[in-house]
Amino acid sequence: MFAISFFMLSGCTDSEKVAEIQELTAKKDSLERNIGILRIKADSLARENEALHKQLSDLDMD
């Protein structure tokens, strides 16, 4: 919404507006994919951390 309002004030041509919106959309999609990848990695690291913590606790018990 902000981008469209900005373009209305900036005097850009329609084709420039479309190109800029497409570029911004591609960047947004890429960021969303990267966030998803980082969440998966964070979950994996959390599970690994829990497993290591359990191993350490088991060693302390011995």
C-alpha atoms as a PDB file:
ATOM      1  CA  MET A   1       0.000   0.000   0.000  1.00  0.00           C
ATOM      2  CA  PHE A   2       2.779   2.414   0.917  1.00  0.00           C
ATOM      3  CA  ALA A   3       4.660   1.650  -2.315  1.00  0.00           C
ATOM      4  CA  ILE A   4       1.618   2.416  -4.431  1.00  0.00           C
ATOM      5  CA  SER A   5       0.989   5.701  -2.607  1.00  0.00           C
ATOM      6  CA  PHE A   6       4.653   6.612  -2.999  1.00  0.00           C
ATOM      7  CA  PHE A   7       4.522   5.982  -6.736  1.00  0.00           C
ATOM      8  CA  MET A   8       1.428   8.120  -7.123  1.00  0.00           C
ATOM      9  CA  LEU A   9       3.346  11.046  -5.653  1.00  0.00           C
ATOM     10  CA  SER A  10       6.668  10.361  -7.366  1.00  0.00           C
ATOM     11  CA  GLY A  11       5.541  10.812 -10.975  1.00  0.00           C
ATOM     12  CA  CYS A  12       6.897   7.461 -12.173  1.00  0.00           C
ATOM     13  CA  THR A  13       5.486   5.907 -15.311  1.00  0.00           C
ATOM     14  CA  ASP A  14       3.218   2.881 -15.074  1.00  0.00           C
ATOM     15  CA  SER A  15       5.896   0.545 -16.431  1.00  0.00           C
ATOM     16  CA  GLU A  16       8.400   1.858 -13.877  1.00  0.00           C
ATOM     17  CA  LYS A  17       5.840   1.332 -11.127  1.00  0.00           C
ATOM     18  CA  VAL A  18       5.158  -2.223 -12.262  1.00  0.00           C
ATOM     19  CA  ALA A  19       8.882  -3.012 -12.470  1.00  0.00           C
ATOM     20  CA  GLU A  20       9.542  -1.599  -9.003  1.00  0.00           C
ATOM     21  CA  ILE A  21       6.576  -3.461  -7.491  1.00  0.00           C
ATOM     22  CA  GLN A  22       7.750  -6.706  -9.127  1.00  0.00           C
ATOM     23  CA  GLU A  23      11.267  -6.168  -7.773  1.00  0.00           C
ATOM     24  CA  LEU A  24       9.972  -5.441  -4.272  1.00  0.00           C
ATOM     25  CA  THR A  25       7.686  -8.465  -4.412  1.00  0.00           C
ATOM     26  CA  ALA A  26      10.603 -10.692  -5.462  1.00  0.00           C
ATOM     27  CA  LYS A  27      12.708  -9.340  -2.587  1.00  0.00           C
ATOM     28  CA  LYS A  28       9.851  -9.919  -0.129  1.00  0.00           C
ATOM     29  CA  ASP A  29       9.398 -13.491  -1.382  1.00  0.00           C
ATOM     30  CA  SER A  30      13.130 -14.124  -1.054  1.00  0.00           C
ATOM     31  CA  LEU A  31      13.156 -12.769   2.493  1.00  0.00           C
ATOM     32  CA  GLU A  32      10.177 -14.944   3.416  1.00  0.00           C
ATOM     33  CA  ARG A  33      11.973 -18.024   2.038  1.00  0.00           C
ATOM     34  CA  ASN A  34      15.108 -17.113   3.992  1.00  0.00           C
ATOM     35  CA  ILE A  35      13.064 -16.666   7.169  1.00  0.00           C
ATOM     36  CA  GLY A  36      11.568 -20.118   6.638  1.00  0.00           C
ATOM     37  CA  ILE A  37      15.026 -21.636   6.172  1.00  0.00           C
ATOM     38  CA  LEU A  38      16.307 -19.889   9.293  1.00  0.00           C
ATOM     39  CA  ARG A  39      13.347 -21.150  11.323  1.00  0.00           C
ATOM     40  CA  ILE A  40      14.065 -24.714  10.201  1.00  0.00           C
ATOM     41  CA  LYS A  41      17.746 -24.307  11.123  1.00  0.00           C
ATOM     42  CA  ALA A  42      16.827 -22.775  14.492  1.00  0.00           C
ATOM     43  CA  ASP A  43      14.499 -25.695  15.249  1.00  0.00           C
ATOM     44  CA  SER A  44      17.219 -28.158  14.292  1.00  0.00           C
ATOM     45  CA  LEU A  45      19.761 -26.395  16.505  1.00  0.00           C
ATOM     46  CA  ALA A  46      17.297 -26.323  19.400  1.00  0.00           C
ATOM     47  CA  ARG A  47      16.759 -30.086  19.096  1.00  0.00           C
ATOM     48  CA  GLU A  48      20.510 -30.667  18.899  1.00  0.00           C
ATOM     49  CA  ASN A  49      21.025 -28.446  21.952  1.00  0.00           C
ATOM     50  CA  GLU A  50      18.392 -30.407  23.902  1.00  0.00           C
ATOM     51  CA  ALA A  51      20.052 -33.706  22.960  1.00  0.00           C
ATOM     52  CA  LEU A  52      23.470 -32.424  24.032  1.00  0.00           C
ATOM     53  CA  HIS A  53      22.028 -31.082  27.261  1.00  0.00           C
ATOM     54  CA  LYS A  54      20.488 -34.490  27.978  1.00  0.00           C
ATOM     55  CA  GLN A  55      23.806 -36.212  27.262  1.00  0.00           C
ATOM     56  CA  LEU A  56      25.557 -33.828  29.632  1.00  0.00           C
ATOM     57  CA  SER A  57      22.936 -34.438  32.315  1.00  0.00           C
ATOM     58  CA  ASP A  58      23.367 -38.205  31.858  1.00  0.00           C
ATOM     59  CA  LEU A  59      27.134 -37.837  32.323  1.00  0.00           C
ATOM     60  CA  ASP A  60      26.623 -35.823  35.516  1.00  0.00           C
ATOM     61  CA  MET A  61      24.441 -38.603  36.910  1.00  0.00           C
ATOM     62  CA  ASP A  62      27.224 -41.190  36.466  1.00  0.00           C
END
